[in-house]
Structures are given as C-alpha cells and as structure tokens.
Amino acid sequence: MKTIDKALIRAPRARAIVAGRWGFRTQEERAAAIAALASSPARPGLVRVGVFADVEDTSLFILAQRGDDTGTDDAVAAPPGQREWQVSASPYRSFVSEAAGEASCLVVVRQPLVRPDRSVQRDWVDTVLAALAGDPEPPPGL
C-alpha cells in the first residue's frame, strides 16, 4: 500500500482502531473517496484517520484510531465504494528497524488463527516482531 500520509500510521493516544479495505472500480472513484474522507467532519473520540492507496489496484486501506475504547464501525464516514472487510481492534505493538531509511509503505497482514483469542493473537505478533528484530539485514525503511 502506498502511504498518502505516513504520519498517520500510529497515534500514541489511540486505544482502539477500526481498519478496513474499500474497493473502487476506477482511479477516479478512489480519488473521489479520498476527497470525501478528507472533507468529512470529525467524529467524537476520533484521534486520527490514515488513508492508504493500494499500489496494485484501486482499493484503499482506512485506519481510524480512537482515543476511547470503542472501536465502532462508524469511526469514519463511509466512503463511496464497496467495503471488502473491516475489523475493530486495539493497538498492541509496533516495530521500527534500526536500519536507515524512511518508511514508504504500510504492510497489512490478515492472518487467520486457529484460536483467535487475545493471547494467541499477541503470541503471533510477538513471534513476527522477534523474527523482524533478528534479521541481520532488514530492508531499509522497515
């Protein structure tokens, strides 16, 4: 996903997030959705909204971050398009490599788990981040 504004990836005050992918038929529809999101009024409790354009098609990834514990589905005004999926979650961990380089993309992983409870989810994240931290030559900007 290409970052529209990389400063919007993580808000330190966020206690809940709503993340989703929206599909559009054309680049023009996607541009109209971005404009609609940019001009929509702020919702109560909203800390930050990040909008990321997919580099392979015309979809958007929208990351709404809230300062309260409610990860409600109406965190942002729905853009005109087809919602492919949307999930509510809470921030857990993040990773920044010591390698030089500026971040230029966001990678989103949707991993089905055998037991999708909080401890299994956190164990999975811990394992992935430990592997990233142990990489002797991580890609620049990770």
Protein backbone atom coordinates (compact mmCIF):
# COMPACT_ATOMS: atom_id res chain seq x y z
CA MET A 1 0.00 0.00 0.00
CA LYS A 2 1.30 3.44 -0.87
CA THR A 3 1.21 5.88 2.01
CA ILE A 4 -0.80 9.02 1.49
CA ASP A 5 0.39 10.43 4.82
CA LYS A 6 2.82 8.21 6.69
CA ALA A 7 2.48 10.31 9.85
CA LEU A 8 -0.97 8.76 10.25
CA ILE A 9 0.20 5.19 10.84
CA ARG A 10 0.27 5.26 14.66
CA ALA A 11 -1.31 7.71 17.06
CA PRO A 12 0.16 7.31 20.57
CA ARG A 13 -3.18 8.25 22.20
CA ALA A 14 -5.11 5.58 20.28
CA ARG A 15 -6.86 2.98 22.44
CA ALA A 16 -8.99 1.39 19.72
CA ILE A 17 -8.76 1.10 15.95
CA VAL A 18 -11.07 0.29 13.08
CA ALA A 19 -9.26 -0.92 9.98
CA GLY A 20 -10.83 -1.74 6.65
CA ARG A 21 -10.31 -2.18 2.95
CA TRP A 22 -12.58 -0.48 0.41
CA GLY A 23 -12.66 -1.30 -3.30
CA PHE A 24 -13.34 1.07 -6.20
CA ARG A 25 -13.88 0.41 -9.90
CA THR A 26 -11.68 3.25 -11.14
CA GLN A 27 -8.90 5.59 -10.02
CA GLU A 28 -11.41 8.45 -10.32
CA GLU A 29 -13.78 6.77 -7.85
CA ARG A 30 -10.88 6.23 -5.47
CA ALA A 31 -9.84 9.90 -5.77
CA ALA A 32 -13.43 10.97 -5.04
CA ALA A 33 -13.47 8.75 -1.94
CA ILE A 34 -10.20 10.27 -0.70
CA ALA A 35 -11.65 13.76 -1.18
CA ALA A 36 -14.86 12.76 0.64
CA LEU A 37 -12.88 11.35 3.57
CA ALA A 38 -10.70 14.47 3.75
CA SER A 39 -13.74 16.74 3.94
CA SER A 40 -15.86 14.64 6.33
CA PRO A 41 -16.39 16.12 9.80
CA ALA A 42 -14.50 14.68 12.76
CA ARG A 43 -16.40 12.04 14.73
CA PRO A 44 -16.46 12.12 18.55
CA GLY A 45 -13.48 10.26 20.03
CA LEU A 46 -11.56 10.10 16.76
CA VAL A 47 -7.82 10.77 17.19
CA ARG A 48 -6.55 10.18 13.67
CA VAL A 49 -7.51 8.66 10.32
CA GLY A 50 -4.94 7.24 7.91
CA VAL A 51 -5.88 6.59 4.28
CA PHE A 52 -3.55 4.39 2.23
CA ALA A 53 -3.80 3.70 -1.51
CA ASP A 54 -3.10 0.17 -2.73
CA VAL A 55 -0.21 0.03 -5.21
CA GLU A 56 -1.67 -2.89 -7.18
CA ASP A 57 -5.32 -1.87 -7.64
CA THR A 58 -7.82 0.91 -6.90
CA SER A 59 -8.59 -0.02 -3.29
CA LEU A 60 -7.98 1.99 -0.11
CA PHE A 61 -6.98 0.86 3.36
CA ILE A 62 -8.51 3.08 6.04
CA LEU A 63 -7.13 3.09 9.58
CA ALA A 64 -9.28 5.01 12.07
CA GLN A 65 -7.79 5.46 15.54
CA ARG A 66 -9.90 6.38 18.55
CA GLY A 67 -8.88 7.81 21.91
CA ASP A 68 -11.51 5.78 23.74
CA ASP A 69 -12.07 2.02 23.92
CA THR A 70 -14.90 1.89 21.40
CA GLY A 71 -13.80 0.53 18.05
CA THR A 72 -17.13 1.28 16.45
CA ASP A 73 -17.91 0.61 12.80
CA ASP A 74 -18.86 4.26 12.25
CA ALA A 75 -15.45 5.61 13.25
CA VAL A 76 -15.23 7.45 9.91
CA ALA A 77 -17.80 8.40 7.32
CA ALA A 78 -18.12 5.52 4.85
CA PRO A 79 -16.51 6.39 1.54
CA PRO A 80 -18.49 5.79 -1.65
CA GLY A 81 -17.29 2.32 -2.63
CA GLN A 82 -17.53 -1.35 -1.74
CA ARG A 83 -16.33 -2.29 1.75
CA GLU A 84 -14.36 -5.52 1.31
CA TRP A 85 -13.67 -6.04 5.01
CA GLN A 86 -13.45 -4.13 8.27
CA VAL A 87 -12.25 -5.11 11.74
CA SER A 88 -12.10 -3.48 15.17
CA ALA A 89 -9.02 -3.99 17.30
CA SER A 90 -6.79 -2.43 19.91
CA PRO A 91 -3.18 -1.35 19.33
CA TYR A 92 -0.65 -3.78 20.78
CA ARG A 93 2.90 -3.30 19.49
CA SER A 94 4.81 -1.64 16.70
CA PHE A 95 8.24 -2.19 15.17
CA VAL A 96 10.83 0.21 13.83
CA SER A 97 14.07 -1.17 12.43
CA GLU A 98 17.40 0.32 13.39
CA ALA A 99 18.33 0.24 9.69
CA ALA A 100 18.49 3.59 7.96
CA GLY A 101 15.78 4.58 5.57
CA GLU A 102 12.45 6.31 5.54
CA ALA A 103 9.27 4.24 5.68
CA SER A 104 7.36 4.40 2.42
CA CYS A 105 4.66 1.77 2.75
CA LEU A 106 2.32 0.01 5.12
CA VAL A 107 2.04 -3.78 5.05
CA VAL A 108 -1.23 -5.21 6.32
CA VAL A 109 -1.41 -8.88 7.27
CA ARG A 110 -4.71 -10.62 7.90
CA GLN A 111 -3.79 -13.92 9.49
CA PRO A 112 -6.49 -16.47 10.29
CA LEU A 113 -5.70 -18.13 13.61
CA VAL A 114 -6.88 -21.50 14.89
CA ARG A 115 -7.92 -19.88 18.17
CA PRO A 116 -8.41 -16.16 17.54
CA ASP A 117 -8.32 -15.09 21.17
CA ARG A 118 -6.24 -12.21 22.53
CA SER A 119 -3.33 -14.32 23.87
CA VAL A 120 -2.95 -16.26 20.58
CA GLN A 121 -3.07 -13.01 18.60
CA ARG A 122 -0.42 -11.41 20.80
CA ASP A 123 1.79 -14.51 20.64
CA TRP A 124 1.60 -14.39 16.84
CA VAL A 125 2.55 -10.68 16.77
CA ASP A 126 5.40 -11.26 19.25
CA THR A 127 6.77 -14.09 17.07
CA VAL A 128 6.66 -11.99 13.89
CA LEU A 129 8.29 -8.98 15.56
CA ALA A 130 11.00 -11.17 17.13
CA ALA A 131 11.79 -12.53 13.66
CA LEU A 132 11.96 -8.99 12.22
CA ALA A 133 14.20 -7.81 15.07
CA GLY A 134 16.54 -10.77 14.46
CA ASP A 135 17.01 -10.06 10.76
CA PRO A 136 20.69 -9.06 10.34
CA GLU A 137 19.92 -7.02 7.20
CA PRO A 138 16.34 -5.74 7.35
CA PRO A 139 15.07 -3.82 4.33
CA PRO A 140 15.66 -0.06 4.53
CA GLY A 141 12.64 1.76 5.93
CA LEU A 142 11.21 -1.21 7.85
